[in-house]
Amino acid sequence: MSFVIVLAALAFLMFAAYRGYSVILFAPLAALGAVLLTDPSAVAPVFSGIFMEKMVGFVKLYFPVFMLGAVFGKVIELSGFSESIVAAAIRYIGRSRANAVIVAVCALLTYGGVSLFVVVFAVYPFAAELYRQSNIPKRLMPGAIALGAFSFTMDSLPGTPQIQNIIPTTFFKTTSWAAPALGVAGSLFIIIVGLSYLEWRRRAAAARGEGYGTNLLNEPQRVEGGKLPPPLLAILPLVVVGVSNFWLTRMIPLWYGQSNSVSLPGLTKPVETKIASVTAIWAVEGALLLGIVIVLLTAFGAVKSRFAEGTKSAVSGALLASMNTASEYGFGGVIAALPGFLVVSDALRSIPDPLVNAAVSVSTLAGITGSASGGMSIALAAMSDVFIQGAQAAQIPLEVLHRVVSMASGGMDTLPHNGAVITLLAVTGLTHRESYRDIFAITLIKTLAVFFVIFVFYTTGLV
């Protein structure tokens, strides 16, 4: 019965998200409904002690990233840089390869260490312009952004700095470059199959005579008249964000050490900060600030007249996106505390093959919690010893286990209630009904890629 309760809460939230209802409202309803059916007396304590703690903790850590990412995307849009990049892409690559262009730009940013959420804000303005000029239906855009930002550069390519590739290192004593051959093989599988699917969808829409669309929401403002900025200048802020994020990630620990203590006259006790826990966040925030400054310095004349109104709308969008994701995070925290979740965890232990066991366990828990990093963290905290023992008994290198677990976390995580999916749809002004089909197709491709990598390892021995 406890398992059915967890399943019902998950199904209810996915249905609500797909139908367009606010996740900020329905995530706590789904979570607390599950608690009510499990232990009615625990509803209020769980709401305050788990749901709100998780939700507020997420906002505390990540709202500045959402806000700065939204402002960065807005100034890229207002400056005309997005139109310049699109014009150059069409000139040198062609309108028919719009999907490949979007995937490449998203991949460049995420592999450079930029947060997935920031990539959505930064890429959307020129993605929308590229699709509009190429007359490709806007509803197909989230699938392309998901393929570029939420898949191979998130957890497959060796060396990616995204958290989904970092978490396994602490459990398996590996590095972010674990199993490079398998990571590249999995990445190629995702890219080839994913782009083939997106192109099939684009051609099918073109054959029906379907264009970009009308009466759309959250459309970027266009810079009318005047000469567009040079493409190299337009892409400079994106390069600055990627490079400075990489540099700051390495310099912040050198500047502050392992921990930092700040004492001010008005404080009763010093503010203690563990630098390792905030390095990635501080680096992204600093990189985005530098990116915004670069845009303002190089295109202030184009931006100044609309900066006030533009940043208001950007901050409003960031508030909605961060609260949606934070509410999802709270839901995952509550579900992970219920007995039904433990039933799922225990059942997954019975899968005999160690790699398949790890892949199914992590992907399942990521799907239930709606979080790649959350599901993987829960799975490894509960079952990493079992995974390691099984791998060692089968003489499987822990590097292979790392790559499989990392890729599996990005498998079924992007179900309708996933925070990144909801953010992507909110930023693009689209709904689950309009665009989730393509996101789900990418989700299935990512999941298949995990088992493709396992097959490659067992048949070739590549690591």
Foldseek 3Di string as FASTA:
>chain_A
DLLVLLVVLLVQLLVCQQVPHFLLPSLLVSLLSSVCVFPVVCSVVLVVPFLVVLLVVLCVQPLLLLLLLLLLLLLLLLLLLLVQQLVVCCVPPNLLCLLVVLLVLLQLLQQLQADLLSSLNNSQQNSLVSQQVSFFALLLSVLSSCLNHQALLQFQAQPRPHVLLVVVCVLQVDDSRFQRVLSVLLNVLLVVVSVVVSSVVRVVCVVVVHGHDPPFPQHGDHDPDDDRDHNVLSCVLSVQLSVQLNVQLVCVCVVAPQKHWADDPVDPGTDIDGCVVRSNSVSNSVSSVVSSVSSCVVRVVSQVVCSVVSSVVSSVLSVSLSSLQSSLSSSLRSSCPGVSVVVLLVVLLPDQQLLVSLLVQLLVQLLSSLALSSSLVSNCVVCVVSSVVNCVVVVHRVSLSSSLNSLSSSANSNRSSHSSNSSSCSNSRHGSNSHVVSVVVSNNSSSVSSVVSVVCCVVPVRD
